[in-house]
Amino acid sequence: MALRIRLAKFGRSHHPIYRIVVMDSRSPREGRYIDILGTYDPKRKELIDIKPEKVKEWIQKGAEITDRAKSVLKNANIL
């Protein structure tokens, strides 16, 4: 099973909020996730309740990070 750290879209119309989650690479964007690592609000451009120790733990376990999630985590100085 290939694991990925990626963004899952939640929120309402015209105001999306994304969760940074660990998912199987074959699951859909709003599909079943394994673990929630934090949330991101693109309107305010801020991370809400991110857990950097969990991010590093999943990277050590072999989870790949998608490009969008990587840019969000770099802006927050997690990576």
PDB file of N, CA and C in Angstrom:
ATOM      1  N   MET A   1       0.850  -1.168   0.000  1.00  0.00           N
ATOM      2  CA  MET A   1       0.000   0.000   0.000  1.00  0.00           C
ATOM      3  C   MET A   1       0.902   1.238   0.000  1.00  0.00           C
ATOM      4  N   ALA A   2       0.727   2.101  -0.991  1.00  0.00           N
ATOM      5  CA  ALA A   2       1.505   3.330  -1.106  1.00  0.00           C
ATOM      6  C   ALA A   2       0.798   4.445  -0.343  1.00  0.00           C
ATOM      7  N   LEU A   3       1.468   4.970   0.663  1.00  0.00           N
ATOM      8  CA  LEU A   3       0.883   6.024   1.476  1.00  0.00           C
ATOM      9  C   LEU A   3       1.341   7.382   0.981  1.00  0.00           C
ATOM     10  N   ARG A   4       0.449   8.352   1.062  1.00  0.00           N
ATOM     11  CA  ARG A   4       0.765   9.717   0.669  1.00  0.00           C
ATOM     12  C   ARG A   4       0.238  10.694   1.707  1.00  0.00           C
ATOM     13  N   ILE A   5       1.008  11.743   1.919  1.00  0.00           N
ATOM     14  CA  ILE A   5       0.552  12.868   2.722  1.00  0.00           C
ATOM     15  C   ILE A   5       0.004  13.875   1.729  1.00  0.00           C
ATOM     16  N   ARG A   6      -1.283  14.183   1.834  1.00  0.00           N
ATOM     17  CA  ARG A   6      -1.898  15.085   0.872  1.00  0.00           C
ATOM     18  C   ARG A   6      -3.033  15.880   1.506  1.00  0.00           C
ATOM     19  N   LEU A   7      -3.621  16.768   0.706  1.00  0.00           N
ATOM     20  CA  LEU A   7      -4.695  17.634   1.183  1.00  0.00           C
ATOM     21  C   LEU A   7      -6.047  17.012   0.851  1.00  0.00           C
ATOM     22  N   ALA A   8      -6.937  17.008   1.819  1.00  0.00           N
ATOM     23  CA  ALA A   8      -8.316  16.563   1.627  1.00  0.00           C
ATOM     24  C   ALA A   8      -9.211  17.774   1.827  1.00  0.00           C
ATOM     25  N   LYS A   9     -10.103  18.030   0.873  1.00  0.00           N
ATOM     26  CA  LYS A   9     -10.922  19.245   0.888  1.00  0.00           C
ATOM     27  C   LYS A   9     -12.162  19.067   1.760  1.00  0.00           C
ATOM     28  N   PHE A  10     -12.373  20.051   2.650  1.00  0.00           N
ATOM     29  CA  PHE A  10     -13.562  20.127   3.482  1.00  0.00           C
ATOM     30  C   PHE A  10     -14.021  21.568   3.485  1.00  0.00           C
ATOM     31  N   GLY A  11     -15.002  21.892   4.264  1.00  0.00           N
ATOM     32  CA  GLY A  11     -15.485  23.259   4.330  1.00  0.00           C
ATOM     33  C   GLY A  11     -16.732  23.431   3.490  1.00  0.00           C
ATOM     34  N   ARG A  12     -17.030  24.683   3.132  1.00  0.00           N
ATOM     35  CA  ARG A  12     -18.249  24.962   2.389  1.00  0.00           C
ATOM     36  C   ARG A  12     -17.902  25.584   1.039  1.00  0.00           C
ATOM     37  N   SER A  13     -18.901  25.891   0.260  1.00  0.00           N
ATOM     38  CA  SER A  13     -18.689  26.502  -1.045  1.00  0.00           C
ATOM     39  C   SER A  13     -18.007  27.856  -0.892  1.00  0.00           C
ATOM     40  N   HIS A  14     -17.074  28.130  -1.754  1.00  0.00           N
ATOM     41  CA  HIS A  14     -16.344  29.391  -1.798  1.00  0.00           C
ATOM     42  C   HIS A  14     -15.505  29.662  -0.557  1.00  0.00           C
ATOM     43  N   HIS A  15     -15.393  28.716   0.330  1.00  0.00           N
ATOM     44  CA  HIS A  15     -14.497  28.824   1.485  1.00  0.00           C
ATOM     45  C   HIS A  15     -13.989  27.423   1.845  1.00  0.00           C
ATOM     46  N   PRO A  16     -13.080  26.901   1.029  1.00  0.00           N
ATOM     47  CA  PRO A  16     -12.585  25.561   1.323  1.00  0.00           C
ATOM     48  C   PRO A  16     -11.612  25.570   2.493  1.00  0.00           C
ATOM     49  N   ILE A  17     -11.587  24.497   3.215  1.00  0.00           N
ATOM     50  CA  ILE A  17     -10.600  24.242   4.259  1.00  0.00           C
ATOM     51  C   ILE A  17     -10.051  22.857   3.964  1.00  0.00           C
ATOM     52  N   TYR A  18      -8.755  22.724   4.038  1.00  0.00           N
ATOM     53  CA  TYR A  18      -8.116  21.467   3.711  1.00  0.00           C
ATOM     54  C   TYR A  18      -7.533  20.830   4.960  1.00  0.00           C
ATOM     55  N   ARG A  19      -7.662  19.525   5.050  1.00  0.00           N
ATOM     56  CA  ARG A  19      -6.990  18.756   6.086  1.00  0.00           C
ATOM     57  C   ARG A  19      -5.746  18.146   5.453  1.00  0.00           C
ATOM     58  N   ILE A  20      -4.676  18.164   6.191  1.00  0.00           N
ATOM     59  CA  ILE A  20      -3.468  17.478   5.756  1.00  0.00           C
ATOM     60  C   ILE A  20      -3.556  16.084   6.345  1.00  0.00           C
ATOM     61  N   VAL A  21      -3.676  15.085   5.478  1.00  0.00           N
ATOM     62  CA  VAL A  21      -3.958  13.721   5.924  1.00  0.00           C
ATOM     63  C   VAL A  21      -2.994  12.728   5.293  1.00  0.00           C
ATOM     64  N   VAL A  22      -2.936  11.541   5.888  1.00  0.00           N
ATOM     65  CA  VAL A  22      -2.219  10.402   5.320  1.00  0.00           C
ATOM     66  C   VAL A  22      -3.275   9.482   4.733  1.00  0.00           C
ATOM     67  N   MET A  23      -3.149   9.178   3.431  1.00  0.00           N
ATOM     68  CA  MET A  23      -4.126   8.340   2.731  1.00  0.00           C
ATOM     69  C   MET A  23      -3.408   7.339   1.841  1.00  0.00           C
ATOM     70  N   ASP A  24      -4.151   6.331   1.445  1.00  0.00           N
ATOM     71  CA  ASP A  24      -3.686   5.435   0.408  1.00  0.00           C
ATOM     72  C   ASP A  24      -3.696   6.222  -0.905  1.00  0.00           C
ATOM     73  N   SER A  25      -2.704   6.035  -1.740  1.00  0.00           N
ATOM     74  CA  SER A  25      -2.583   6.832  -2.963  1.00  0.00           C
ATOM     75  C   SER A  25      -3.717   6.576  -3.947  1.00  0.00           C
ATOM     76  N   ARG A  26      -4.422   5.462  -3.813  1.00  0.00           N
ATOM     77  CA  ARG A  26      -5.504   5.139  -4.757  1.00  0.00           C
ATOM     78  C   ARG A  26      -6.860   5.671  -4.320  1.00  0.00           C
ATOM     79  N   SER A  27      -6.971   6.218  -3.111  1.00  0.00           N
ATOM     80  CA  SER A  27      -8.266   6.681  -2.630  1.00  0.00           C
ATOM     81  C   SER A  27      -8.583   8.075  -3.172  1.00  0.00           C
ATOM     82  N   PRO A  28      -9.874   8.428  -3.282  1.00  0.00           N
ATOM     83  CA  PRO A  28     -10.249   9.761  -3.788  1.00  0.00           C
ATOM     84  C   PRO A  28      -9.919  10.866  -2.786  1.00  0.00           C
ATOM     85  N   ARG A  29     -10.016  12.108  -3.238  1.00  0.00           N
ATOM     86  CA  ARG A  29      -9.604  13.260  -2.432  1.00  0.00           C
ATOM     87  C   ARG A  29     -10.338  13.335  -1.096  1.00  0.00           C
ATOM     88  N   GLU A  30     -11.643  13.099  -1.094  1.00  0.00           N
ATOM     89  CA  GLU A  30     -12.397  13.139   0.156  1.00  0.00           C
ATOM     90  C   GLU A  30     -12.619  11.735   0.712  1.00  0.00           C
ATOM     91  N   GLY A  31     -11.804  10.804   0.311  1.00  0.00           N
ATOM     92  CA  GLY A  31     -11.983   9.417   0.721  1.00  0.00           C
ATOM     93  C   GLY A  31     -11.507   9.141   2.132  1.00  0.00           C
ATOM     94  N   ARG A  32     -11.348   7.877   2.412  1.00  0.00           N
ATOM     95  CA  ARG A  32     -10.981   7.416   3.734  1.00  0.00           C
ATOM     96  C   ARG A  32      -9.516   7.735   4.019  1.00  0.00           C
ATOM     97  N   TYR A  33      -9.235   8.292   5.164  1.00  0.00           N
ATOM     98  CA  TYR A  33      -7.878   8.643   5.529  1.00  0.00           C
ATOM     99  C   TYR A  33      -7.413   7.776   6.695  1.00  0.00           C
ATOM    100  N   ILE A  34      -6.105   7.722   6.874  1.00  0.00           N
ATOM    101  CA  ILE A  34      -5.518   6.921   7.941  1.00  0.00           C
ATOM    102  C   ILE A  34      -5.266   7.780   9.178  1.00  0.00           C
ATOM    103  N   ASP A  35      -4.752   9.002   8.955  1.00  0.00           N
ATOM    104  CA  ASP A  35      -4.424   9.877  10.078  1.00  0.00           C
ATOM    105  C   ASP A  35      -4.539  11.334   9.635  1.00  0.00           C
ATOM    106  N   ILE A  36      -4.979  12.203  10.529  1.00  0.00           N
ATOM    107  CA  ILE A  36      -5.044  13.642  10.267  1.00  0.00           C
ATOM    108  C   ILE A  36      -3.820  14.296  10.897  1.00  0.00           C
ATOM    109  N   LEU A  37      -3.082  15.062  10.085  1.00  0.00           N
ATOM    110  CA  LEU A  37      -1.871  15.712  10.563  1.00  0.00           C
ATOM    111  C   LEU A  37      -2.088  17.187  10.885  1.00  0.00           C
ATOM    112  N   GLY A  38      -3.138  17.775  10.343  1.00  0.00           N
ATOM    113  CA  GLY A  38      -3.422  19.179  10.610  1.00  0.00           C
ATOM    114  C   GLY A  38      -4.435  19.719   9.620  1.00  0.00           C
ATOM    115  N   THR A  39      -4.719  21.012   9.704  1.00  0.00           N
ATOM    116  CA  THR A  39      -5.642  21.650   8.779  1.00  0.00           C
ATOM    117  C   THR A  39      -5.003  22.908   8.213  1.00  0.00           C
ATOM    118  N   TYR A  40      -5.503  23.338   7.027  1.00  0.00           N
ATOM    119  CA  TYR A  40      -4.970  24.490   6.323  1.00  0.00           C
ATOM    120  C   TYR A  40      -6.121  25.309   5.769  1.00  0.00           C
ATOM    121  N   ASP A  41      -6.080  26.617   6.020  1.00  0.00           N
ATOM    122  CA  ASP A  41      -7.088  27.532   5.508  1.00  0.00           C
ATOM    123  C   ASP A  41      -6.430  28.423   4.460  1.00  0.00           C
ATOM    124  N   PRO A  42      -6.707  28.207   3.156  1.00  0.00           N
ATOM    125  CA  PRO A  42      -6.043  28.995   2.113  1.00  0.00           C
ATOM    126  C   PRO A  42      -6.498  30.447   2.047  1.00  0.00           C
ATOM    127  N   LYS A  43      -7.683  30.759   2.540  1.00  0.00           N
ATOM    128  CA  LYS A  43      -8.146  32.156   2.542  1.00  0.00           C
ATOM    129  C   LYS A  43      -7.281  33.003   3.471  1.00  0.00           C
ATOM    130  N   ARG A  44      -6.983  32.466   4.634  1.00  0.00           N
ATOM    131  CA  ARG A  44      -6.152  33.190   5.595  1.00  0.00           C
ATOM    132  C   ARG A  44      -4.674  32.869   5.427  1.00  0.00           C
ATOM    133  N   LYS A  45      -4.377  31.842   4.609  1.00  0.00           N
ATOM    134  CA  LYS A  45      -3.011  31.367   4.370  1.00  0.00           C
ATOM    135  C   LYS A  45      -2.303  31.005   5.683  1.00  0.00           C
ATOM    136  N   GLU A  46      -2.988  30.228   6.488  1.00  0.00           N
ATOM    137  CA  GLU A  46      -2.379  29.803   7.740  1.00  0.00           C
ATOM    138  C   GLU A  46      -2.717  28.354   8.043  1.00  0.00           C
ATOM    139  N   LEU A  47      -1.808  27.726   8.745  1.00  0.00           N
ATOM    140  CA  LEU A  47      -2.039  26.370   9.217  1.00  0.00           C
ATOM    141  C   LEU A  47      -2.717  26.442  10.568  1.00  0.00           C
ATOM    142  N   ILE A  48      -3.634  25.535  10.788  1.00  0.00           N
ATOM    143  CA  ILE A  48      -4.350  25.474  12.048  1.00  0.00           C
ATOM    144  C   ILE A  48      -4.095  24.096  12.647  1.00  0.00           C
ATOM    145  N   ASP A  49      -3.525  24.056  13.821  1.00  0.00           N
ATOM    146  CA  ASP A  49      -3.360  22.801  14.563  1.00  0.00           C
ATOM    147  C   ASP A  49      -2.568  21.765  13.776  1.00  0.00           C
ATOM    148  N   ILE A  50      -1.341  22.107  13.378  1.00  0.00           N
ATOM    149  CA  ILE A  50      -0.478  21.146  12.682  1.00  0.00           C
ATOM    150  C   ILE A  50       0.355  20.389  13.719  1.00  0.00           C
ATOM    151  N   LYS A  51       0.612  19.127  13.429  1.00  0.00           N
ATOM    152  CA  LYS A  51       1.383  18.285  14.335  1.00  0.00           C
ATOM    153  C   LYS A  51       2.679  17.875  13.630  1.00  0.00           C
ATOM    154  N   PRO A  52       3.770  18.661  13.789  1.00  0.00           N
ATOM    155  CA  PRO A  52       5.005  18.378  13.047  1.00  0.00           C
ATOM    156  C   PRO A  52       5.635  17.032  13.406  1.00  0.00           C
ATOM    157  N   GLU A  53       5.462  16.585  14.645  1.00  0.00           N
ATOM    158  CA  GLU A  53       6.043  15.295  15.024  1.00  0.00           C
ATOM    159  C   GLU A  53       5.359  14.136  14.292  1.00  0.00           C
ATOM    160  N   LYS A  54       4.046  14.269  14.038  1.00  0.00           N
ATOM    161  CA  LYS A  54       3.334  13.236  13.284  1.00  0.00           C
ATOM    162  C   LYS A  54       3.754  13.249  11.818  1.00  0.00           C
ATOM    163  N   VAL A  55       4.002  14.437  11.269  1.00  0.00           N
ATOM    164  CA  VAL A  55       4.448  14.540   9.872  1.00  0.00           C
ATOM    165  C   VAL A  55       5.785  13.821   9.719  1.00  0.00           C
ATOM    166  N   LYS A  56       6.724  14.091  10.605  1.00  0.00           N
ATOM    167  CA  LYS A  56       8.040  13.454  10.533  1.00  0.00           C
ATOM    168  C   LYS A  56       7.946  11.954  10.750  1.00  0.00           C
ATOM    169  N   GLU A  57       7.042  11.530  11.629  1.00  0.00           N
ATOM    170  CA  GLU A  57       6.849  10.098  11.881  1.00  0.00           C
ATOM    171  C   GLU A  57       6.372   9.370  10.627  1.00  0.00           C
ATOM    172  N   TRP A  58       5.396   9.970   9.913  1.00  0.00           N
ATOM    173  CA  TRP A  58       4.874   9.321   8.702  1.00  0.00           C
ATOM    174  C   TRP A  58       5.888   9.349   7.561  1.00  0.00           C
ATOM    175  N   ILE A  59       6.716  10.379   7.503  1.00  0.00           N
ATOM    176  CA  ILE A  59       7.763  10.416   6.475  1.00  0.00           C
ATOM    177  C   ILE A  59       8.768   9.306   6.737  1.00  0.00           C
ATOM    178  N   GLN A  60       9.106   9.073   8.001  1.00  0.00           N
ATOM    179  CA  GLN A  60      10.024   7.985   8.347  1.00  0.00           C
ATOM    180  C   GLN A  60       9.427   6.620   8.021  1.00  0.00           C
ATOM    181  N   LYS A  61       8.106   6.512   8.095  1.00  0.00           N
ATOM    182  CA  LYS A  61       7.442   5.249   7.766  1.00  0.00           C
ATOM    183  C   LYS A  61       7.345   5.026   6.260  1.00  0.00           C
ATOM    184  N   GLY A  62       7.700   6.031   5.457  1.00  0.00           N
ATOM    185  CA  GLY A  62       7.726   5.856   4.013  1.00  0.00           C
ATOM    186  C   GLY A  62       6.626   6.548   3.248  1.00  0.00           C
ATOM    187  N   ALA A  63       5.863   7.421   3.879  1.00  0.00           N
ATOM    188  CA  ALA A  63       4.798   8.138   3.187  1.00  0.00           C
ATOM    189  C   ALA A  63       5.407   9.216   2.289  1.00  0.00           C
ATOM    190  N   GLU A  64       4.916   9.301   1.059  1.00  0.00           N
ATOM    191  CA  GLU A  64       5.363  10.331   0.128  1.00  0.00           C
ATOM    192  C   GLU A  64       4.494  11.567   0.308  1.00  0.00           C
ATOM    193  N   ILE A  65       5.065  12.729   0.026  1.00  0.00           N
ATOM    194  CA  ILE A  65       4.324  13.978   0.160  1.00  0.00           C
ATOM    195  C   ILE A  65       3.996  14.490  -1.234  1.00  0.00           C
ATOM    196  N   THR A  66       2.735  14.865  -1.455  1.00  0.00           N
ATOM    197  CA  THR A  66       2.355  15.433  -2.745  1.00  0.00           C
ATOM    198  C   THR A  66       2.914  16.845  -2.866  1.00  0.00           C
ATOM    199  N   ASP A  67       2.940  17.369  -4.087  1.00  0.00           N
ATOM    200  CA  ASP A  67       3.514  18.693  -4.326  1.00  0.00           C
ATOM    201  C   ASP A  67       2.778  19.790  -3.574  1.00  0.00           C
ATOM    202  N   ARG A  68       1.447  19.745  -3.584  1.00  0.00           N
ATOM    203  CA  ARG A  68       0.661  20.771  -2.881  1.00  0.00           C
ATOM    204  C   ARG A  68       0.906  20.717  -1.373  1.00  0.00           C
ATOM    205  N   ALA A  69       0.893  19.526  -0.809  1.00  0.00           N
ATOM    206  CA  ALA A  69       1.117  19.388   0.630  1.00  0.00           C
ATOM    207  C   ALA A  69       2.537  19.812   0.992  1.00  0.00           C
ATOM    208  N   LYS A  70       3.487  19.509   0.117  1.00  0.00           N
ATOM    209  CA  LYS A  70       4.871  19.892   0.375  1.00  0.00           C
ATOM    210  C   LYS A  70       5.028  21.412   0.413  1.00  0.00           C
ATOM    211  N   SER A  71       4.358  22.117  -0.498  1.00  0.00           N
ATOM    212  CA  SER A  71       4.467  23.578  -0.511  1.00  0.00           C
ATOM    213  C   SER A  71       3.814  24.186   0.734  1.00  0.00           C
ATOM    214  N   VAL A  72       2.707  23.620   1.193  1.00  0.00           N
ATOM    215  CA  VAL A  72       2.059  24.111   2.413  1.00  0.00           C
ATOM    216  C   VAL A  72       2.945  23.884   3.620  1.00  0.00           C
ATOM    217  N   LEU A  73       3.554  22.702   3.717  1.00  0.00           N
ATOM    218  CA  LEU A  73       4.408  22.390   4.862  1.00  0.00           C
ATOM    219  C   LEU A  73       5.705  23.192   4.837  1.00  0.00           C
ATOM    220  N   LYS A  74       6.237  23.485   3.629  1.00  0.00           N
ATOM    221  CA  LYS A  74       7.434  24.315   3.540  1.00  0.00           C
ATOM    222  C   LYS A  74       7.148  25.739   3.982  1.00  0.00           C
ATOM    223  N   ASN A  75       5.988  26.279   3.611  1.00  0.00           N
ATOM    224  CA  ASN A  75       5.635  27.632   4.031  1.00  0.00           C
ATOM    225  C   ASN A  75       5.474  27.729   5.541  1.00  0.00           C
ATOM    226  N   ALA A  76       5.135  26.631   6.177  1.00  0.00           N
ATOM    227  CA  ALA A  76       4.972  26.607   7.634  1.00  0.00           C
ATOM    228  C   ALA A  76       6.252  26.209   8.346  1.00  0.00           C
ATOM    229  N   ASN A  77       7.353  26.020   7.591  1.00  0.00           N
ATOM    230  CA  ASN A  77       8.661  25.641   8.132  1.00  0.00           C
ATOM    231  C   ASN A  77       8.627  24.296   8.854  1.00  0.00           C
ATOM    232  N   ILE A  78       7.797  23.376   8.363  1.00  0.00           N
ATOM    233  CA  ILE A  78       7.753  22.025   8.914  1.00  0.00           C
ATOM    234  C   ILE A  78       8.812  21.162   8.240  1.00  0.00           C
ATOM    235  N   LEU A  79       9.002  21.336   6.935  1.00  0.00           N
ATOM    236  CA  LEU A  79      10.000  20.567   6.184  1.00  0.00           C
ATOM    237  C   LEU A  79      11.280  21.337   6.018  1.00  0.00           C
TER     238      LEU A  79
END
